[in-house]
């Protein structure tokens, strides 16, 4: 594995699709595809072997499906980002994968540049939601919590904390947030600690979903 590169495993049961994804990803000098899997069990085995930064998975895989793969990898390899790349935009699939801990969910109609960007963002630990499915995620979450629906101005956050949460939902790092808001990185970290505690989440991915649910994110591909 070349030093400093993002290690990626591609899991899809169509060889031509895997080949196409590999060629696209390796256009970026920071990405190195370490292995390809044609079924779910092979995907898990390769993830255990290579411990990649990112694994791209399709939902409908022989052996183990994308949901089962996600559960295993999230449990055994918490540092590996899981990016679902699929044709399915059904609410059921989307929500179930997000519940299982998938880091990103994108559709196969995206362009090459967007795919590369999504992998880079997931490797950095950021949530990636395809713009076409963001409204479905938001609608589902709002329906589930209709009796506890909050408007952004009613959230238990200060104006500065809401501002920082929005920046997190856009996939920005602490350094980028500090630069854009003209505050120190230490201040950003302190605010994030308070934000996570107030909204009852433990990481940036959950915080980004919270922002989406409460209308603090524009639903762009981040």
C-alpha atoms as a PDB file:
ATOM      1  CA  UNK A   1       0.000   0.000   0.000  1.00  0.00           C
ATOM      2  CA  UNK A   2       1.603   3.332  -1.059  1.00  0.00           C
ATOM      3  CA  UNK A   3       2.237   5.544   1.958  1.00  0.00           C
ATOM      4  CA  UNK A   4      -0.222   8.371   2.499  1.00  0.00           C
ATOM      5  CA  UNK A   5      -2.837   7.118   0.046  1.00  0.00           C
ATOM      6  CA  UNK A   6      -6.469   6.370   0.841  1.00  0.00           C
ATOM      7  CA  UNK A   7      -7.013   2.611   0.689  1.00  0.00           C
ATOM      8  CA  UNK A   8     -10.296   1.594  -0.934  1.00  0.00           C
ATOM      9  CA  UNK A   9     -12.089  -1.731  -1.366  1.00  0.00           C
ATOM     10  CA  UNK A  10     -14.784  -1.928  -4.045  1.00  0.00           C
ATOM     11  CA  UNK A  11     -17.654  -4.380  -3.517  1.00  0.00           C
ATOM     12  CA  UNK A  12     -20.048  -4.907  -6.428  1.00  0.00           C
ATOM     13  CA  UNK A  13     -21.220  -8.104  -8.082  1.00  0.00           C
ATOM     14  CA  UNK A  14     -20.782  -6.715 -11.616  1.00  0.00           C
ATOM     15  CA  UNK A  15     -17.169  -6.908 -12.879  1.00  0.00           C
ATOM     16  CA  UNK A  16     -17.653  -4.100 -15.405  1.00  0.00           C
ATOM     17  CA  UNK A  17     -19.010  -1.813 -12.696  1.00  0.00           C
ATOM     18  CA  UNK A  18     -16.039  -2.564 -10.433  1.00  0.00           C
ATOM     19  CA  UNK A  19     -13.632  -1.902 -13.280  1.00  0.00           C
ATOM     20  CA  UNK A  20     -15.307   1.410 -14.055  1.00  0.00           C
ATOM     21  CA  UNK A  21     -15.254   2.523 -10.421  1.00  0.00           C
ATOM     22  CA  UNK A  22     -11.596   1.559 -10.077  1.00  0.00           C
ATOM     23  CA  UNK A  23     -10.598   3.544 -13.164  1.00  0.00           C
ATOM     24  CA  UNK A  24     -12.486   6.590 -11.927  1.00  0.00           C
ATOM     25  CA  UNK A  25     -11.082   6.493  -8.399  1.00  0.00           C
ATOM     26  CA  UNK A  26      -7.517   5.976  -9.521  1.00  0.00           C
ATOM     27  CA  UNK A  27      -7.702   9.193 -11.510  1.00  0.00           C
ATOM     28  CA  UNK A  28      -7.087  10.808  -8.144  1.00  0.00           C
ATOM     29  CA  UNK A  29      -3.458  10.379  -7.013  1.00  0.00           C
ATOM     30  CA  UNK A  30      -4.555  10.220  -3.357  1.00  0.00           C
ATOM     31  CA  UNK A  31      -6.677   7.090  -3.817  1.00  0.00           C
ATOM     32  CA  UNK A  32      -5.456   3.505  -4.146  1.00  0.00           C
ATOM     33  CA  UNK A  33      -7.897   0.627  -4.772  1.00  0.00           C
ATOM     34  CA  UNK A  34      -6.434  -2.268  -2.801  1.00  0.00           C
ATOM     35  CA  UNK A  35      -9.002  -4.943  -3.655  1.00  0.00           C
ATOM     36  CA  UNK A  36     -12.310  -5.761  -5.335  1.00  0.00           C
ATOM     37  CA  UNK A  37     -15.055  -8.084  -4.127  1.00  0.00           C
ATOM     38  CA  UNK A  38     -17.809  -9.752  -6.144  1.00  0.00           C
ATOM     39  CA  UNK A  39     -19.970 -10.857  -3.222  1.00  0.00           C
ATOM     40  CA  UNK A  40     -20.731  -9.838   0.339  1.00  0.00           C
ATOM     41  CA  UNK A  41     -18.673 -12.464   2.139  1.00  0.00           C
ATOM     42  CA  UNK A  42     -15.633 -11.652   0.035  1.00  0.00           C
ATOM     43  CA  UNK A  43     -16.171  -7.955   0.790  1.00  0.00           C
ATOM     44  CA  UNK A  44     -16.063  -8.600   4.530  1.00  0.00           C
ATOM     45  CA  UNK A  45     -13.008 -10.862   4.202  1.00  0.00           C
ATOM     46  CA  UNK A  46     -11.119  -8.241   2.189  1.00  0.00           C
ATOM     47  CA  UNK A  47     -12.095  -5.496   4.616  1.00  0.00           C
ATOM     48  CA  UNK A  48     -10.735  -7.584   7.491  1.00  0.00           C
ATOM     49  CA  UNK A  49      -7.542  -8.260   5.554  1.00  0.00           C
ATOM     50  CA  UNK A  50      -6.780  -4.755   4.268  1.00  0.00           C
ATOM     51  CA  UNK A  51      -8.573  -2.604   6.869  1.00  0.00           C
ATOM     52  CA  UNK A  52      -9.248   0.033   4.213  1.00  0.00           C
ATOM     53  CA  UNK A  53     -10.024   3.682   4.798  1.00  0.00           C
ATOM     54  CA  UNK A  54     -13.160   3.317   2.683  1.00  0.00           C
ATOM     55  CA  UNK A  55     -15.213   0.425   1.351  1.00  0.00           C
ATOM     56  CA  UNK A  56     -17.719   1.038  -1.449  1.00  0.00           C
ATOM     57  CA  UNK A  57     -20.634  -1.366  -1.311  1.00  0.00           C
ATOM     58  CA  UNK A  58     -23.685  -2.064  -3.417  1.00  0.00           C
ATOM     59  CA  UNK A  59     -26.856  -3.000  -1.556  1.00  0.00           C
ATOM     60  CA  UNK A  60     -27.851  -6.109  -3.496  1.00  0.00           C
ATOM     61  CA  UNK A  61     -24.865  -8.423  -3.151  1.00  0.00           C
ATOM     62  CA  UNK A  62     -24.822 -12.228  -3.166  1.00  0.00           C
ATOM     63  CA  UNK A  63     -23.772 -13.914   0.058  1.00  0.00           C
ATOM     64  CA  UNK A  64     -24.273 -10.899   2.312  1.00  0.00           C
ATOM     65  CA  UNK A  65     -26.199  -7.792   1.329  1.00  0.00           C
ATOM     66  CA  UNK A  66     -25.107  -4.227   1.909  1.00  0.00           C
ATOM     67  CA  UNK A  67     -26.947  -3.926   5.218  1.00  0.00           C
ATOM     68  CA  UNK A  68     -25.312  -7.082   6.604  1.00  0.00           C
ATOM     69  CA  UNK A  69     -21.894  -5.951   5.362  1.00  0.00           C
ATOM     70  CA  UNK A  70     -22.350  -2.580   7.023  1.00  0.00           C
ATOM     71  CA  UNK A  71     -23.262  -4.100  10.377  1.00  0.00           C
ATOM     72  CA  UNK A  72     -20.185  -6.350  10.397  1.00  0.00           C
ATOM     73  CA  UNK A  73     -17.720  -3.695   9.305  1.00  0.00           C
ATOM     74  CA  UNK A  74     -19.117  -1.078  11.655  1.00  0.00           C
ATOM     75  CA  UNK A  75     -18.723  -3.529  14.531  1.00  0.00           C
ATOM     76  CA  UNK A  76     -15.269  -4.871  13.633  1.00  0.00           C
ATOM     77  CA  UNK A  77     -13.660  -1.974  11.759  1.00  0.00           C
ATOM     78  CA  UNK A  78     -15.076   1.260  13.189  1.00  0.00           C
ATOM     79  CA  UNK A  79     -12.436   3.385  11.449  1.00  0.00           C
ATOM     80  CA  UNK A  80     -13.397   2.188   7.977  1.00  0.00           C
ATOM     81  CA  UNK A  81     -15.755   4.525   6.148  1.00  0.00           C
ATOM     82  CA  UNK A  82     -18.653   2.752   4.443  1.00  0.00           C
ATOM     83  CA  UNK A  83     -19.974   4.306   1.251  1.00  0.00           C
ATOM     84  CA  UNK A  84     -23.099   2.804  -0.299  1.00  0.00           C
ATOM     85  CA  UNK A  85     -23.021   3.254  -4.080  1.00  0.00           C
ATOM     86  CA  UNK A  86     -26.250   1.951  -5.520  1.00  0.00           C
ATOM     87  CA  UNK A  87     -29.134   2.444  -7.925  1.00  0.00           C
ATOM     88  CA  UNK A  88     -31.670   2.169  -5.088  1.00  0.00           C
ATOM     89  CA  UNK A  89     -33.283   5.339  -3.815  1.00  0.00           C
ATOM     90  CA  UNK A  90     -36.004   3.584  -1.812  1.00  0.00           C
ATOM     91  CA  UNK A  91     -36.562   5.144   1.592  1.00  0.00           C
ATOM     92  CA  UNK A  92     -36.456   1.715   3.260  1.00  0.00           C
ATOM     93  CA  UNK A  93     -32.923   0.971   2.032  1.00  0.00           C
ATOM     94  CA  UNK A  94     -31.650   4.459   2.774  1.00  0.00           C
ATOM     95  CA  UNK A  95     -32.902   4.633   6.339  1.00  0.00           C
ATOM     96  CA  UNK A  96     -31.887   1.081   7.220  1.00  0.00           C
ATOM     97  CA  UNK A  97     -28.316   1.646   6.039  1.00  0.00           C
ATOM     98  CA  UNK A  98     -28.060   4.944   7.874  1.00  0.00           C
ATOM     99  CA  UNK A  99     -29.308   3.242  11.036  1.00  0.00           C
ATOM    100  CA  UNK A 100     -26.663   0.549  10.619  1.00  0.00           C
ATOM    101  CA  UNK A 101     -23.929   3.176  10.470  1.00  0.00           C
ATOM    102  CA  UNK A 102     -23.160   3.669   6.784  1.00  0.00           C
ATOM    103  CA  UNK A 103     -21.029   6.798   6.354  1.00  0.00           C
ATOM    104  CA  UNK A 104     -22.397   7.782   2.979  1.00  0.00           C
ATOM    105  CA  UNK A 105     -25.193   6.944   0.561  1.00  0.00           C
ATOM    106  CA  UNK A 106     -24.882   7.950  -3.097  1.00  0.00           C
ATOM    107  CA  UNK A 107     -26.556   6.880  -6.307  1.00  0.00           C
ATOM    108  CA  UNK A 108     -24.851   5.534  -9.403  1.00  0.00           C
ATOM    109  CA  UNK A 109     -26.045   8.461 -11.492  1.00  0.00           C
ATOM    110  CA  UNK A 110     -23.390  10.773 -10.041  1.00  0.00           C
ATOM    111  CA  UNK A 111     -20.443  11.947 -12.100  1.00  0.00           C
ATOM    112  CA  UNK A 112     -16.828  10.847 -11.781  1.00  0.00           C
ATOM    113  CA  UNK A 113     -15.757  13.982  -9.928  1.00  0.00           C
ATOM    114  CA  UNK A 114     -18.599  13.613  -7.432  1.00  0.00           C
ATOM    115  CA  UNK A 115     -17.681   9.983  -6.788  1.00  0.00           C
ATOM    116  CA  UNK A 116     -14.070  10.897  -6.083  1.00  0.00           C
ATOM    117  CA  UNK A 117     -15.175  13.737  -3.819  1.00  0.00           C
ATOM    118  CA  UNK A 118     -17.502  11.418  -1.913  1.00  0.00           C
ATOM    119  CA  UNK A 119     -14.717   8.889  -1.284  1.00  0.00           C
ATOM    120  CA  UNK A 120     -12.341  11.610  -0.095  1.00  0.00           C
ATOM    121  CA  UNK A 121     -14.976  13.006   2.259  1.00  0.00           C
ATOM    122  CA  UNK A 122     -15.883   9.609   3.693  1.00  0.00           C
ATOM    123  CA  UNK A 123     -12.181   8.878   4.235  1.00  0.00           C
ATOM    124  CA  UNK A 124     -12.053  12.017   6.382  1.00  0.00           C
ATOM    125  CA  UNK A 125     -14.990  10.821   8.443  1.00  0.00           C
ATOM    126  CA  UNK A 126     -17.677  13.057   6.994  1.00  0.00           C
ATOM    127  CA  UNK A 127     -21.246  12.129   6.187  1.00  0.00           C
ATOM    128  CA  UNK A 128     -22.114  12.060   2.482  1.00  0.00           C
ATOM    129  CA  UNK A 129     -25.729  12.137   1.336  1.00  0.00           C
ATOM    130  CA  UNK A 130     -26.682  12.167  -2.337  1.00  0.00           C
ATOM    131  CA  UNK A 131     -28.677  15.362  -2.998  1.00  0.00           C
ATOM    132  CA  UNK A 132     -31.457  13.322  -4.590  1.00  0.00           C
ATOM    133  CA  UNK A 133     -32.173  11.338  -1.425  1.00  0.00           C
ATOM    134  CA  UNK A 134     -31.610  14.012   1.221  1.00  0.00           C
ATOM    135  CA  UNK A 135     -35.292  15.081   1.132  1.00  0.00           C
ATOM    136  CA  UNK A 136     -36.390  11.472   1.711  1.00  0.00           C
ATOM    137  CA  UNK A 137     -34.143  11.205   4.761  1.00  0.00           C
ATOM    138  CA  UNK A 138     -35.456  14.482   6.107  1.00  0.00           C
ATOM    139  CA  UNK A 139     -39.100  13.557   5.452  1.00  0.00           C
ATOM    140  CA  UNK A 140     -38.702  10.196   7.153  1.00  0.00           C
ATOM    141  CA  UNK A 141     -37.078  11.663  10.232  1.00  0.00           C
ATOM    142  CA  UNK A 142     -39.665  14.406  10.480  1.00  0.00           C
ATOM    143  CA  UNK A 143     -42.498  11.870  10.249  1.00  0.00           C
ATOM    144  CA  UNK A 144     -40.930   9.689  12.928  1.00  0.00           C
ATOM    145  CA  UNK A 145     -40.652  12.630  15.291  1.00  0.00           C
ATOM    146  CA  UNK A 146     -43.683  14.648  14.264  1.00  0.00           C
ATOM    147  CA  UNK A 147     -44.791  14.901  17.873  1.00  0.00           C
ATOM    148  CA  UNK A 148     -41.363  16.162  18.831  1.00  0.00           C
ATOM    149  CA  UNK A 149     -40.696  18.288  15.783  1.00  0.00           C
ATOM    150  CA  UNK A 150     -38.412  21.251  16.386  1.00  0.00           C
ATOM    151  CA  UNK A 151     -37.736  24.250  14.236  1.00  0.00           C
ATOM    152  CA  UNK A 152     -34.116  25.347  14.006  1.00  0.00           C
ATOM    153  CA  UNK A 153     -34.736  28.417  16.155  1.00  0.00           C
ATOM    154  CA  UNK A 154     -36.165  26.148  18.886  1.00  0.00           C
ATOM    155  CA  UNK A 155     -33.182  23.812  19.022  1.00  0.00           C
ATOM    156  CA  UNK A 156     -31.315  23.650  22.347  1.00  0.00           C
ATOM    157  CA  UNK A 157     -28.326  25.398  20.773  1.00  0.00           C
ATOM    158  CA  UNK A 158     -26.913  28.878  20.835  1.00  0.00           C
ATOM    159  CA  UNK A 159     -26.715  30.792  17.524  1.00  0.00           C
ATOM    160  CA  UNK A 160     -22.985  30.057  17.333  1.00  0.00           C
ATOM    161  CA  UNK A 161     -23.541  26.360  18.005  1.00  0.00           C
ATOM    162  CA  UNK A 162     -26.190  26.195  15.270  1.00  0.00           C
ATOM    163  CA  UNK A 163     -23.735  27.899  12.929  1.00  0.00           C
ATOM    164  CA  UNK A 164     -21.036  25.350  13.716  1.00  0.00           C
ATOM    165  CA  UNK A 165     -23.466  22.440  13.340  1.00  0.00           C
ATOM    166  CA  UNK A 166     -24.345  23.698   9.866  1.00  0.00           C
ATOM    167  CA  UNK A 167     -20.655  23.783   8.992  1.00  0.00           C
ATOM    168  CA  UNK A 168     -20.279  20.184  10.220  1.00  0.00           C
ATOM    169  CA  UNK A 169     -23.224  19.112   8.052  1.00  0.00           C
ATOM    170  CA  UNK A 170     -21.406  20.584   5.050  1.00  0.00           C
ATOM    171  CA  UNK A 171     -18.449  18.292   5.688  1.00  0.00           C
ATOM    172  CA  UNK A 172     -16.011  20.905   6.936  1.00  0.00           C
ATOM    173  CA  UNK A 173     -13.106  20.064   9.209  1.00  0.00           C
ATOM    174  CA  UNK A 174     -12.443  21.858  12.497  1.00  0.00           C
ATOM    175  CA  UNK A 175      -9.687  23.834  10.825  1.00  0.00           C
ATOM    176  CA  UNK A 176     -11.982  24.926   7.996  1.00  0.00           C
ATOM    177  CA  UNK A 177     -14.727  25.905  10.436  1.00  0.00           C
ATOM    178  CA  UNK A 178     -12.265  27.898  12.530  1.00  0.00           C
ATOM    179  CA  UNK A 179     -11.011  29.699   9.429  1.00  0.00           C
ATOM    180  CA  UNK A 180     -14.468  30.492   8.078  1.00  0.00           C
ATOM    181  CA  UNK A 181     -15.877  31.670  11.422  1.00  0.00           C
ATOM    182  CA  UNK A 182     -12.710  33.472  12.538  1.00  0.00           C
ATOM    183  CA  UNK A 183     -12.309  31.491  15.745  1.00  0.00           C
ATOM    184  CA  UNK A 184      -9.661  29.088  17.027  1.00  0.00           C
ATOM    185  CA  UNK A 185      -9.723  25.328  16.459  1.00  0.00           C
ATOM    186  CA  UNK A 186      -9.822  24.871  20.229  1.00  0.00           C
ATOM    187  CA  UNK A 187     -12.989  26.962  20.362  1.00  0.00           C
ATOM    188  CA  UNK A 188     -14.519  24.851  17.611  1.00  0.00           C
ATOM    189  CA  UNK A 189     -13.699  21.669  19.546  1.00  0.00           C
ATOM    190  CA  UNK A 190     -15.256  23.093  22.713  1.00  0.00           C
ATOM    191  CA  UNK A 191     -18.412  24.058  20.845  1.00  0.00           C
ATOM    192  CA  UNK A 192     -18.641  20.589  19.258  1.00  0.00           C
ATOM    193  CA  UNK A 193     -18.375  18.950  22.673  1.00  0.00           C
ATOM    194  CA  UNK A 194     -21.275  21.070  23.886  1.00  0.00           C
ATOM    195  CA  UNK A 195     -23.280  20.459  20.705  1.00  0.00           C
ATOM    196  CA  UNK A 196     -22.860  16.679  20.860  1.00  0.00           C
ATOM    197  CA  UNK A 197     -23.942  16.689  24.511  1.00  0.00           C
ATOM    198  CA  UNK A 198     -26.989  18.903  23.918  1.00  0.00           C
ATOM    199  CA  UNK A 199     -28.374  16.988  20.947  1.00  0.00           C
ATOM    200  CA  UNK A 200     -27.439  13.546  22.266  1.00  0.00           C
ATOM    201  CA  UNK A 201     -24.990  12.359  19.603  1.00  0.00           C
ATOM    202  CA  UNK A 202     -21.458  10.998  19.799  1.00  0.00           C
ATOM    203  CA  UNK A 203     -19.876  11.816  16.443  1.00  0.00           C
ATOM    204  CA  UNK A 204     -19.941  14.100  13.403  1.00  0.00           C
ATOM    205  CA  UNK A 205     -21.962  11.678  11.281  1.00  0.00           C
ATOM    206  CA  UNK A 206     -24.820  11.631  13.784  1.00  0.00           C
ATOM    207  CA  UNK A 207     -24.555  15.404  14.147  1.00  0.00           C
ATOM    208  CA  UNK A 208     -24.837  15.843  10.364  1.00  0.00           C
ATOM    209  CA  UNK A 209     -27.974  13.683  10.312  1.00  0.00           C
ATOM    210  CA  UNK A 210     -29.412  15.720  13.165  1.00  0.00           C
ATOM    211  CA  UNK A 211     -28.755  18.894  11.195  1.00  0.00           C
ATOM    212  CA  UNK A 212     -30.476  17.387   8.165  1.00  0.00           C
ATOM    213  CA  UNK A 213     -33.468  16.314  10.232  1.00  0.00           C
ATOM    214  CA  UNK A 214     -33.967  19.776  11.680  1.00  0.00           C
ATOM    215  CA  UNK A 215     -33.486  21.721   8.486  1.00  0.00           C
ATOM    216  CA  UNK A 216     -29.979  22.981   9.234  1.00  0.00           C
ATOM    217  CA  UNK A 217     -28.470  21.366   6.124  1.00  0.00           C
ATOM    218  CA  UNK A 218     -29.164  22.163   2.491  1.00  0.00           C
ATOM    219  CA  UNK A 219     -28.919  18.489   1.500  1.00  0.00           C
ATOM    220  CA  UNK A 220     -26.019  18.952  -0.906  1.00  0.00           C
ATOM    221  CA  UNK A 221     -23.517  16.210  -1.631  1.00  0.00           C
ATOM    222  CA  UNK A 222     -20.837  16.899   0.968  1.00  0.00           C
END
